Amino acid sequence: MFLSSNRIEMIKFKRHIKVDGEIFETWMGLEIKKKGGRPNVSVYYYTDDPELEMSAHHLIKANFQSKDEAVKHGCLFMRAMYKDMIKREKGLVNNNEEENEVDW
């Protein structure tokens, strides 16, 4: 991304998000731009440690007015995503158990 003398860098940080007794280590990032003299903050999540070459970042949401608001939204988003993941895994386990119980 090229901007006139302003280089936008990602602020990277790690959060530990607890869901149903499990703790998920989550890498996130903030990108801060000035828009009309006001901050415009975007929050991202990383697929892995951002220092790893294969790690990619994905936008969660943009246009926050503060870093705190963006981080809070990002953590809530990731928590909901992990909850859905756990539900799906439990659903798959239950479905597999039911399939194994079929009496031919």
PDB file of N, CA and C in Angstrom:
ATOM      1  N   MET A   1       0.852  -1.161   0.000  1.00  0.00           N
ATOM      2  CA  MET A   1       0.000   0.000   0.000  1.00  0.00           C
ATOM      3  C   MET A   1       0.900   1.226   0.000  1.00  0.00           C
ATOM      4  N   PHE A   2       0.685   2.130  -0.923  1.00  0.00           N
ATOM      5  CA  PHE A   2       1.517   3.312  -1.039  1.00  0.00           C
ATOM      6  C   PHE A   2       0.709   4.552  -0.672  1.00  0.00           C
ATOM      7  N   LEU A   3       1.240   5.304   0.236  1.00  0.00           N
ATOM      8  CA  LEU A   3       0.641   6.570   0.625  1.00  0.00           C
ATOM      9  C   LEU A   3       1.741   7.618   0.644  1.00  0.00           C
ATOM     10  N   SER A   4       1.359   8.854   0.498  1.00  0.00           N
ATOM     11  CA  SER A   4       2.355   9.919   0.462  1.00  0.00           C
ATOM     12  C   SER A   4       3.053  10.062   1.808  1.00  0.00           C
ATOM     13  N   SER A   5       4.249   9.615   1.882  1.00  0.00           N
ATOM     14  CA  SER A   5       5.157   9.690   3.031  1.00  0.00           C
ATOM     15  C   SER A   5       4.604   9.110   4.340  1.00  0.00           C
ATOM     16  N   ASN A   6       3.356   8.716   4.388  1.00  0.00           N
ATOM     17  CA  ASN A   6       2.816   8.066   5.585  1.00  0.00           C
ATOM     18  C   ASN A   6       2.764   6.570   5.343  1.00  0.00           C
ATOM     19  N   ARG A   7       3.559   5.840   6.073  1.00  0.00           N
ATOM     20  CA  ARG A   7       3.563   4.386   5.929  1.00  0.00           C
ATOM     21  C   ARG A   7       2.672   3.806   7.014  1.00  0.00           C
ATOM     22  N   ILE A   8       1.672   3.037   6.594  1.00  0.00           N
ATOM     23  CA  ILE A   8       0.752   2.440   7.549  1.00  0.00           C
ATOM     24  C   ILE A   8       1.313   1.093   7.979  1.00  0.00           C
ATOM     25  N   GLU A   9       1.484   0.936   9.273  1.00  0.00           N
ATOM     26  CA  GLU A   9       1.984  -0.326   9.797  1.00  0.00           C
ATOM     27  C   GLU A   9       0.946  -0.953  10.699  1.00  0.00           C
ATOM     28  N   MET A  10       0.994  -2.261  10.760  1.00  0.00           N
ATOM     29  CA  MET A  10       0.071  -3.015  11.593  1.00  0.00           C
ATOM     30  C   MET A  10       0.652  -3.112  13.008  1.00  0.00           C
ATOM     31  N   ILE A  11      -0.162  -2.792  13.995  1.00  0.00           N
ATOM     32  CA  ILE A  11       0.207  -3.013  15.394  1.00  0.00           C
ATOM     33  C   ILE A  11      -0.250  -4.432  15.719  1.00  0.00           C
ATOM     34  N   LYS A  12       0.693  -5.321  15.995  1.00  0.00           N
ATOM     35  CA  LYS A  12       0.376  -6.732  16.228  1.00  0.00           C
ATOM     36  C   LYS A  12       0.404  -7.031  17.723  1.00  0.00           C
ATOM     37  N   PHE A  13      -0.555  -7.840  18.161  1.00  0.00           N
ATOM     38  CA  PHE A  13      -0.616  -8.199  19.575  1.00  0.00           C
ATOM     39  C   PHE A  13      -1.305  -9.551  19.730  1.00  0.00           C
ATOM     40  N   LYS A  14      -1.082 -10.154  20.893  1.00  0.00           N
ATOM     41  CA  LYS A  14      -1.645 -11.473  21.171  1.00  0.00           C
ATOM     42  C   LYS A  14      -2.618 -11.377  22.338  1.00  0.00           C
ATOM     43  N   ARG A  15      -3.734 -12.098  22.216  1.00  0.00           N
ATOM     44  CA  ARG A  15      -4.712 -12.193  23.289  1.00  0.00           C
ATOM     45  C   ARG A  15      -4.990 -13.664  23.571  1.00  0.00           C
ATOM     46  N   HIS A  16      -5.285 -13.980  24.815  1.00  0.00           N
ATOM     47  CA  HIS A  16      -5.701 -15.323  25.199  1.00  0.00           C
ATOM     48  C   HIS A  16      -7.194 -15.260  25.457  1.00  0.00           C
ATOM     49  N   ILE A  17      -7.963 -15.946  24.625  1.00  0.00           N
ATOM     50  CA  ILE A  17      -9.416 -15.895  24.701  1.00  0.00           C
ATOM     51  C   ILE A  17      -9.924 -17.219  25.243  1.00  0.00           C
ATOM     52  N   LYS A  18     -10.659 -17.135  26.366  1.00  0.00           N
ATOM     53  CA  LYS A  18     -11.149 -18.339  27.039  1.00  0.00           C
ATOM     54  C   LYS A  18     -12.598 -18.603  26.626  1.00  0.00           C
ATOM     55  N   VAL A  19     -12.850 -19.829  26.166  1.00  0.00           N
ATOM     56  CA  VAL A  19     -14.189 -20.252  25.765  1.00  0.00           C
ATOM     57  C   VAL A  19     -14.414 -21.658  26.298  1.00  0.00           C
ATOM     58  N   ASP A  20     -15.446 -21.826  27.110  1.00  0.00           N
ATOM     59  CA  ASP A  20     -15.813 -23.137  27.657  1.00  0.00           C
ATOM     60  C   ASP A  20     -14.626 -23.883  28.263  1.00  0.00           C
ATOM     61  N   GLY A  21     -13.810 -23.181  29.017  1.00  0.00           N
ATOM     62  CA  GLY A  21     -12.677 -23.808  29.688  1.00  0.00           C
ATOM     63  C   GLY A  21     -11.442 -23.977  28.827  1.00  0.00           C
ATOM     64  N   GLU A  22     -11.534 -23.718  27.543  1.00  0.00           N
ATOM     65  CA  GLU A  22     -10.373 -23.789  26.645  1.00  0.00           C
ATOM     66  C   GLU A  22      -9.823 -22.388  26.432  1.00  0.00           C
ATOM     67  N   ILE A  23      -8.511 -22.298  26.312  1.00  0.00           N
ATOM     68  CA  ILE A  23      -7.876 -21.009  26.063  1.00  0.00           C
ATOM     69  C   ILE A  23      -7.262 -21.033  24.669  1.00  0.00           C
ATOM     70  N   PHE A  24      -7.635 -20.036  23.861  1.00  0.00           N
ATOM     71  CA  PHE A  24      -7.153 -19.918  22.494  1.00  0.00           C
ATOM     72  C   PHE A  24      -6.190 -18.742  22.409  1.00  0.00           C
ATOM     73  N   GLU A  25      -4.961 -19.022  21.968  1.00  0.00           N
ATOM     74  CA  GLU A  25      -3.975 -17.970  21.754  1.00  0.00           C
ATOM     75  C   GLU A  25      -4.282 -17.343  20.398  1.00  0.00           C
ATOM     76  N   THR A  26      -4.579 -16.056  20.397  1.00  0.00           N
ATOM     77  CA  THR A  26      -5.051 -15.385  19.198  1.00  0.00           C
ATOM     78  C   THR A  26      -4.192 -14.171  18.878  1.00  0.00           C
ATOM     79  N   TRP A  27      -3.669 -14.126  17.659  1.00  0.00           N
ATOM     80  CA  TRP A  27      -2.910 -12.972  17.200  1.00  0.00           C
ATOM     81  C   TRP A  27      -3.851 -12.045  16.459  1.00  0.00           C
ATOM     82  N   MET A  28      -3.760 -10.765  16.784  1.00  0.00           N
ATOM     83  CA  MET A  28      -4.602  -9.762  16.150  1.00  0.00           C
ATOM     84  C   MET A  28      -3.739  -8.570  15.731  1.00  0.00           C
ATOM     85  N   GLY A  29      -4.337  -7.697  14.939  1.00  0.00           N
ATOM     86  CA  GLY A  29      -3.615  -6.515  14.497  1.00  0.00           C
ATOM     87  C   GLY A  29      -4.538  -5.315  14.386  1.00  0.00           C
ATOM     88  N   LEU A  30      -3.963  -4.136  14.565  1.00  0.00           N
ATOM     89  CA  LEU A  30      -4.686  -2.882  14.391  1.00  0.00           C
ATOM     90  C   LEU A  30      -3.981  -2.058  13.326  1.00  0.00           C
ATOM     91  N   GLU A  31      -4.769  -1.465  12.464  1.00  0.00           N
ATOM     92  CA  GLU A  31      -4.249  -0.549  11.452  1.00  0.00           C
ATOM     93  C   GLU A  31      -4.925   0.792  11.703  1.00  0.00           C
ATOM     94  N   ILE A  32      -4.137   1.825  11.893  1.00  0.00           N
ATOM     95  CA  ILE A  32      -4.685   3.130  12.243  1.00  0.00           C
ATOM     96  C   ILE A  32      -4.356   4.126  11.131  1.00  0.00           C
ATOM     97  N   LYS A  33      -5.405   4.733  10.607  1.00  0.00           N
ATOM     98  CA  LYS A  33      -5.260   5.769   9.584  1.00  0.00           C
ATOM     99  C   LYS A  33      -5.946   7.027  10.106  1.00  0.00           C
ATOM    100  N   LYS A  34      -5.518   8.163   9.617  1.00  0.00           N
ATOM    101  CA  LYS A  34      -6.191   9.422   9.943  1.00  0.00           C
ATOM    102  C   LYS A  34      -7.164   9.726   8.815  1.00  0.00           C
ATOM    103  N   LYS A  35      -8.404  10.028   9.201  1.00  0.00           N
ATOM    104  CA  LYS A  35      -9.428  10.348   8.212  1.00  0.00           C
ATOM    105  C   LYS A  35     -10.096  11.648   8.661  1.00  0.00           C
ATOM    106  N   GLY A  36      -9.788  12.721   7.978  1.00  0.00           N
ATOM    107  CA  GLY A  36     -10.348  14.018   8.369  1.00  0.00           C
ATOM    108  C   GLY A  36      -9.908  14.455   9.748  1.00  0.00           C
ATOM    109  N   GLY A  37      -8.688  14.118  10.134  1.00  0.00           N
ATOM    110  CA  GLY A  37      -8.168  14.491  11.445  1.00  0.00           C
ATOM    111  C   GLY A  37      -8.592  13.558  12.562  1.00  0.00           C
ATOM    112  N   ARG A  38      -9.433  12.574  12.255  1.00  0.00           N
ATOM    113  CA  ARG A  38      -9.891  11.612  13.274  1.00  0.00           C
ATOM    114  C   ARG A  38      -9.290  10.242  12.964  1.00  0.00           C
ATOM    115  N   PRO A  39      -9.035   9.460  14.008  1.00  0.00           N
ATOM    116  CA  PRO A  39      -8.489   8.124  13.751  1.00  0.00           C
ATOM    117  C   PRO A  39      -9.546   7.209  13.119  1.00  0.00           C
ATOM    118  N   ASN A  40      -9.089   6.355  12.243  1.00  0.00           N
ATOM    119  CA  ASN A  40      -9.925   5.335  11.620  1.00  0.00           C
ATOM    120  C   ASN A  40      -9.195   4.019  11.855  1.00  0.00           C
ATOM    121  N   VAL A  41      -9.696   3.216  12.789  1.00  0.00           N
ATOM    122  CA  VAL A  41      -8.996   2.008  13.231  1.00  0.00           C
ATOM    123  C   VAL A  41      -9.679   0.767  12.657  1.00  0.00           C
ATOM    124  N   SER A  42      -8.868  -0.119  12.095  1.00  0.00           N
ATOM    125  CA  SER A  42      -9.346  -1.404  11.595  1.00  0.00           C
ATOM    126  C   SER A  42      -8.726  -2.512  12.439  1.00  0.00           C
ATOM    127  N   VAL A  43      -9.495  -3.566  12.716  1.00  0.00           N
ATOM    128  CA  VAL A  43      -8.987  -4.682  13.511  1.00  0.00           C
ATOM    129  C   VAL A  43      -8.967  -5.938  12.637  1.00  0.00           C
ATOM    130  N   TYR A  44      -7.896  -6.705  12.766  1.00  0.00           N
ATOM    131  CA  TYR A  44      -7.665  -7.911  11.980  1.00  0.00           C
ATOM    132  C   TYR A  44      -7.358  -9.075  12.908  1.00  0.00           C
ATOM    133  N   TYR A  45      -7.515 -10.309  12.399  1.00  0.00           N
ATOM    134  CA  TYR A  45      -6.976 -11.470  13.108  1.00  0.00           C
ATOM    135  C   TYR A  45      -5.992 -12.165  12.186  1.00  0.00           C
ATOM    136  N   TYR A  46      -5.006 -12.811  12.803  1.00  0.00           N
ATOM    137  CA  TYR A  46      -3.988 -13.546  12.056  1.00  0.00           C
ATOM    138  C   TYR A  46      -4.261 -15.038  12.156  1.00  0.00           C
ATOM    139  N   THR A  47      -3.927 -15.768  11.092  1.00  0.00           N
ATOM    140  CA  THR A  47      -4.113 -17.212  11.080  1.00  0.00           C
ATOM    141  C   THR A  47      -3.080 -17.916  11.943  1.00  0.00           C
ATOM    142  N   ASP A  48      -1.981 -17.250  12.242  1.00  0.00           N
ATOM    143  CA  ASP A  48      -0.901 -17.823  13.053  1.00  0.00           C
ATOM    144  C   ASP A  48      -0.036 -16.666  13.538  1.00  0.00           C
ATOM    145  N   ASP A  49       1.100 -16.976  14.136  1.00  0.00           N
ATOM    146  CA  ASP A  49       2.047 -15.950  14.565  1.00  0.00           C
ATOM    147  C   ASP A  49       2.381 -15.068  13.357  1.00  0.00           C
ATOM    148  N   PRO A  50       2.204 -13.755  13.458  1.00  0.00           N
ATOM    149  CA  PRO A  50       2.423 -12.876  12.310  1.00  0.00           C
ATOM    150  C   PRO A  50       3.862 -12.864  11.800  1.00  0.00           C
ATOM    151  N   GLU A  51       4.804 -13.344  12.597  1.00  0.00           N
ATOM    152  CA  GLU A  51       6.194 -13.393  12.152  1.00  0.00           C
ATOM    153  C   GLU A  51       6.441 -14.555  11.178  1.00  0.00           C
ATOM    154  N   LEU A  52       5.522 -15.525  11.153  1.00  0.00           N
ATOM    155  CA  LEU A  52       5.671 -16.656  10.241  1.00  0.00           C
ATOM    156  C   LEU A  52       5.261 -16.250   8.834  1.00  0.00           C
ATOM    157  N   GLU A  53       6.002 -16.731   7.865  1.00  0.00           N
ATOM    158  CA  GLU A  53       5.791 -16.331   6.475  1.00  0.00           C
ATOM    159  C   GLU A  53       4.394 -16.688   5.964  1.00  0.00           C
ATOM    160  N   MET A  54       3.864 -17.832   6.363  1.00  0.00           N
ATOM    161  CA  MET A  54       2.577 -18.293   5.837  1.00  0.00           C
ATOM    162  C   MET A  54       1.370 -17.701   6.563  1.00  0.00           C
ATOM    163  N   SER A  55       1.602 -16.931   7.620  1.00  0.00           N
ATOM    164  CA  SER A  55       0.503 -16.330   8.366  1.00  0.00           C
ATOM    165  C   SER A  55      -0.128 -15.203   7.545  1.00  0.00           C
ATOM    166  N   ALA A  56      -1.452 -15.162   7.548  1.00  0.00           N
ATOM    167  CA  ALA A  56      -2.170 -14.114   6.820  1.00  0.00           C
ATOM    168  C   ALA A  56      -3.094 -13.380   7.790  1.00  0.00           C
ATOM    169  N   HIS A  57      -3.348 -12.112   7.494  1.00  0.00           N
ATOM    170  CA  HIS A  57      -4.292 -11.374   8.335  1.00  0.00           C
ATOM    171  C   HIS A  57      -5.597 -11.173   7.575  1.00  0.00           C
ATOM    172  N   HIS A  58      -6.701 -11.159   8.348  1.00  0.00           N
ATOM    173  CA  HIS A  58      -8.033 -11.028   7.776  1.00  0.00           C
ATOM    174  C   HIS A  58      -8.785  -9.939   8.530  1.00  0.00           C
ATOM    175  N   LEU A  59      -9.421  -9.058   7.776  1.00  0.00           N
ATOM    176  CA  LEU A  59     -10.166  -7.961   8.381  1.00  0.00           C
ATOM    177  C   LEU A  59     -11.375  -8.478   9.147  1.00  0.00           C
ATOM    178  N   ILE A  60     -11.519  -8.029  10.378  1.00  0.00           N
ATOM    179  CA  ILE A  60     -12.710  -8.313  11.169  1.00  0.00           C
ATOM    180  C   ILE A  60     -13.707  -7.181  10.947  1.00  0.00           C
ATOM    181  N   LYS A  61     -13.248  -5.939  11.191  1.00  0.00           N
ATOM    182  CA  LYS A  61     -14.115  -4.780  10.988  1.00  0.00           C
ATOM    183  C   LYS A  61     -13.268  -3.513  10.952  1.00  0.00           C
ATOM    184  N   ALA A  62     -13.733  -2.529  10.203  1.00  0.00           N
ATOM    185  CA  ALA A  62     -13.022  -1.260  10.074  1.00  0.00           C
ATOM    186  C   ALA A  62     -13.871  -0.117  10.626  1.00  0.00           C
ATOM    187  N   ASN A  63     -13.297   1.070  10.611  1.00  0.00           N
ATOM    188  CA  ASN A  63     -13.968   2.338  10.950  1.00  0.00           C
ATOM    189  C   ASN A  63     -14.285   2.517  12.435  1.00  0.00           C
ATOM    190  N   PHE A  64     -13.421   2.035  13.300  1.00  0.00           N
ATOM    191  CA  PHE A  64     -13.566   2.326  14.722  1.00  0.00           C
ATOM    192  C   PHE A  64     -12.913   3.669  15.007  1.00  0.00           C
ATOM    193  N   GLN A  65     -13.373   4.335  16.049  1.00  0.00           N
ATOM    194  CA  GLN A  65     -12.823   5.641  16.430  1.00  0.00           C
ATOM    195  C   GLN A  65     -11.710   5.530  17.461  1.00  0.00           C
ATOM    196  N   SER A  66     -11.559   4.336  18.093  1.00  0.00           N
ATOM    197  CA  SER A  66     -10.503   4.175  19.095  1.00  0.00           C
ATOM    198  C   SER A  66      -9.929   2.763  19.037  1.00  0.00           C
ATOM    199  N   LYS A  67      -8.689   2.656  19.520  1.00  0.00           N
ATOM    200  CA  LYS A  67      -8.040   1.346  19.583  1.00  0.00           C
ATOM    201  C   LYS A  67      -8.776   0.421  20.545  1.00  0.00           C
ATOM    202  N   ASP A  68      -9.173   0.947  21.704  1.00  0.00           N
ATOM    203  CA  ASP A  68      -9.859   0.123  22.708  1.00  0.00           C
ATOM    204  C   ASP A  68     -11.145  -0.482  22.161  1.00  0.00           C
ATOM    205  N   GLU A  69     -11.919   0.329  21.452  1.00  0.00           N
ATOM    206  CA  GLU A  69     -13.169  -0.139  20.865  1.00  0.00           C
ATOM    207  C   GLU A  69     -12.907  -1.244  19.832  1.00  0.00           C
ATOM    208  N   ALA A  70     -11.874  -1.078  19.024  1.00  0.00           N
ATOM    209  CA  ALA A  70     -11.523  -2.061  18.002  1.00  0.00           C
ATOM    210  C   ALA A  70     -11.058  -3.373  18.636  1.00  0.00           C
ATOM    211  N   VAL A  71     -10.209  -3.283  19.662  1.00  0.00           N
ATOM    212  CA  VAL A  71      -9.703  -4.487  20.334  1.00  0.00           C
ATOM    213  C   VAL A  71     -10.853  -5.235  21.002  1.00  0.00           C
ATOM    214  N   LYS A  72     -11.745  -4.507  21.679  1.00  0.00           N
ATOM    215  CA  LYS A  72     -12.881  -5.146  22.346  1.00  0.00           C
ATOM    216  C   LYS A  72     -13.754  -5.879  21.324  1.00  0.00           C
ATOM    217  N   HIS A  73     -14.054  -5.219  20.209  1.00  0.00           N
ATOM    218  CA  HIS A  73     -14.873  -5.851  19.172  1.00  0.00           C
ATOM    219  C   HIS A  73     -14.155  -7.080  18.604  1.00  0.00           C
ATOM    220  N   GLY A  74     -12.857  -6.961  18.356  1.00  0.00           N
ATOM    221  CA  GLY A  74     -12.081  -8.076  17.818  1.00  0.00           C
ATOM    222  C   GLY A  74     -12.093  -9.285  18.741  1.00  0.00           C
ATOM    223  N   CYS A  75     -11.933  -9.049  20.033  1.00  0.00           N
ATOM    224  CA  CYS A  75     -11.944 -10.157  21.007  1.00  0.00           C
ATOM    225  C   CYS A  75     -13.321 -10.815  21.074  1.00  0.00           C
ATOM    226  N   LEU A  76     -14.382 -10.004  21.061  1.00  0.00           N
ATOM    227  CA  LEU A  76     -15.734 -10.566  21.081  1.00  0.00           C
ATOM    228  C   LEU A  76     -16.013 -11.367  19.801  1.00  0.00           C
ATOM    229  N   PHE A  77     -15.549 -10.858  18.673  1.00  0.00           N
ATOM    230  CA  PHE A  77     -15.714 -11.563  17.401  1.00  0.00           C
ATOM    231  C   PHE A  77     -15.012 -12.917  17.432  1.00  0.00           C
ATOM    232  N   MET A  78     -13.766 -12.933  17.899  1.00  0.00           N
ATOM    233  CA  MET A  78     -12.998 -14.172  17.935  1.00  0.00           C
ATOM    234  C   MET A  78     -13.612 -15.154  18.936  1.00  0.00           C
ATOM    235  N   ARG A  79     -14.092 -14.662  20.060  1.00  0.00           N
ATOM    236  CA  ARG A  79     -14.734 -15.532  21.044  1.00  0.00           C
ATOM    237  C   ARG A  79     -15.964 -16.207  20.424  1.00  0.00           C
ATOM    238  N   ALA A  80     -16.771 -15.445  19.703  1.00  0.00           N
ATOM    239  CA  ALA A  80     -17.954 -16.013  19.042  1.00  0.00           C
ATOM    240  C   ALA A  80     -17.538 -17.035  17.989  1.00  0.00           C
ATOM    241  N   MET A  81     -16.456 -16.745  17.262  1.00  0.00           N
ATOM    242  CA  MET A  81     -15.973 -17.674  16.248  1.00  0.00           C
ATOM    243  C   MET A  81     -15.508 -18.984  16.887  1.00  0.00           C
ATOM    244  N   TYR A  82     -14.779 -18.896  18.006  1.00  0.00           N
ATOM    245  CA  TYR A  82     -14.323 -20.099  18.700  1.00  0.00           C
ATOM    246  C   TYR A  82     -15.513 -20.889  19.263  1.00  0.00           C
ATOM    247  N   LYS A  83     -16.519 -20.179  19.794  1.00  0.00           N
ATOM    248  CA  LYS A  83     -17.712 -20.865  20.304  1.00  0.00           C
ATOM    249  C   LYS A  83     -18.398 -21.650  19.186  1.00  0.00           C
ATOM    250  N   ASP A  84     -18.552 -21.025  18.014  1.00  0.00           N
ATOM    251  CA  ASP A  84     -19.167 -21.702  16.869  1.00  0.00           C
ATOM    252  C   ASP A  84     -18.343 -22.916  16.445  1.00  0.00           C
ATOM    253  N   MET A  85     -17.020 -22.772  16.475  1.00  0.00           N
ATOM    254  CA  MET A  85     -16.136 -23.868  16.100  1.00  0.00           C
ATOM    255  C   MET A  85     -16.327 -25.054  17.055  1.00  0.00           C
ATOM    256  N   ILE A  86     -16.411 -24.762  18.349  1.00  0.00           N
ATOM    257  CA  ILE A  86     -16.602 -25.822  19.349  1.00  0.00           C
ATOM    258  C   ILE A  86     -17.951 -26.498  19.135  1.00  0.00           C
ATOM    259  N   LYS A  87     -18.995 -25.707  18.881  1.00  0.00           N
ATOM    260  CA  LYS A  87     -20.325 -26.282  18.619  1.00  0.00           C
ATOM    261  C   LYS A  87     -20.290 -27.210  17.405  1.00  0.00           C
ATOM    262  N   ARG A  88     -19.655 -26.770  16.332  1.00  0.00           N
ATOM    263  CA  ARG A  88     -19.566 -27.603  15.123  1.00  0.00           C
ATOM    264  C   ARG A  88     -18.811 -28.890  15.399  1.00  0.00           C
ATOM    265  N   GLU A  89     -17.705 -28.792  16.143  1.00  0.00           N
ATOM    266  CA  GLU A  89     -16.932 -29.999  16.457  1.00  0.00           C
ATOM    267  C   GLU A  89     -17.760 -30.966  17.296  1.00  0.00           C
ATOM    268  N   LYS A  90     -18.496 -30.438  18.264  1.00  0.00           N
ATOM    269  CA  LYS A  90     -19.349 -31.302  19.085  1.00  0.00           C
ATOM    270  C   LYS A  90     -20.451 -31.909  18.242  1.00  0.00           C
ATOM    271  N   GLY A  91     -21.008 -31.134  17.330  1.00  0.00           N
ATOM    272  CA  GLY A  91     -22.049 -31.636  16.436  1.00  0.00           C
ATOM    273  C   GLY A  91     -21.537 -32.740  15.547  1.00  0.00           C
ATOM    274  N   LEU A  92     -20.310 -32.583  15.028  1.00  0.00           N
ATOM    275  CA  LEU A  92     -19.718 -33.619  14.185  1.00  0.00           C
ATOM    276  C   LEU A  92     -19.463 -34.885  14.987  1.00  0.00           C
ATOM    277  N   VAL A  93     -19.009 -34.732  16.233  1.00  0.00           N
ATOM    278  CA  VAL A  93     -18.765 -35.892  17.083  1.00  0.00           C
ATOM    279  C   VAL A  93     -20.079 -36.623  17.326  1.00  0.00           C
ATOM    280  N   ASN A  94     -21.132 -35.891  17.657  1.00  0.00           N
ATOM    281  CA  ASN A  94     -22.434 -36.510  17.892  1.00  0.00           C
ATOM    282  C   ASN A  94     -22.961 -37.192  16.635  1.00  0.00           C
ATOM    283  N   ASN A  95     -22.798 -36.550  15.482  1.00  0.00           N
ATOM    284  CA  ASN A  95     -23.256 -37.152  14.227  1.00  0.00           C
ATOM    285  C   ASN A  95     -22.481 -38.424  13.910  1.00  0.00           C
ATOM    286  N   ASN A  96     -21.173 -38.410  14.146  1.00  0.00           N
ATOM    287  CA  ASN A  96     -20.352 -39.596  13.898  1.00  0.00           C
ATOM    288  C   ASN A  96     -20.745 -40.729  14.825  1.00  0.00           C
ATOM    289  N   GLU A  97     -21.059 -40.423  16.095  1.00  0.00           N
ATOM    290  CA  GLU A  97     -21.482 -41.455  17.039  1.00  0.00           C
ATOM    291  C   GLU A  97     -22.801 -42.068  16.589  1.00  0.00           C
ATOM    292  N   GLU A  98     -23.722 -41.229  16.105  1.00  0.00           N
ATOM    293  CA  GLU A  98     -25.016 -41.733  15.628  1.00  0.00           C
ATOM    294  C   GLU A  98     -24.830 -42.614  14.400  1.00  0.00           C
ATOM    295  N   GLU A  99     -23.916 -42.224  13.503  1.00  0.00           N
ATOM    296  CA  GLU A  99     -23.671 -43.031  12.300  1.00  0.00           C
ATOM    297  C   GLU A  99     -23.088 -44.389  12.670  1.00  0.00           C
ATOM    298  N   ASN A 100     -22.224 -44.408  13.693  1.00  0.00           N
ATOM    299  CA  ASN A 100     -21.590 -45.661  14.113  1.00  0.00           C
ATOM    300  C   ASN A 100     -22.594 -46.590  14.787  1.00  0.00           C
ATOM    301  N   GLU A 101     -23.689 -46.046  15.306  1.00  0.00           N
ATOM    302  CA  GLU A 101     -24.671 -46.827  16.012  1.00  0.00           C
ATOM    303  C   GLU A 101     -25.700 -47.473  15.073  1.00  0.00           C
ATOM    304  N   VAL A 102     -25.617 -47.174  13.797  1.00  0.00           N
ATOM    305  CA  VAL A 102     -26.589 -47.732  12.851  1.00  0.00           C
ATOM    306  C   VAL A 102     -26.416 -49.245  12.760  1.00  0.00           C
ATOM    307  N   ASP A 103     -27.518 -49.979  12.927  1.00  0.00           N
ATOM    308  CA  ASP A 103     -27.494 -51.438  12.891  1.00  0.00           C
ATOM    309  C   ASP A 103     -27.933 -51.893  11.504  1.00  0.00           C
ATOM    310  N   TRP A 104     -27.005 -52.426  10.740  1.00  0.00           N
ATOM    311  CA  TRP A 104     -27.326 -52.863   9.379  1.00  0.00           C
ATOM    312  C   TRP A 104     -27.871 -54.240   9.474  1.00  0.00           C
TER     313      TRP A 104
END
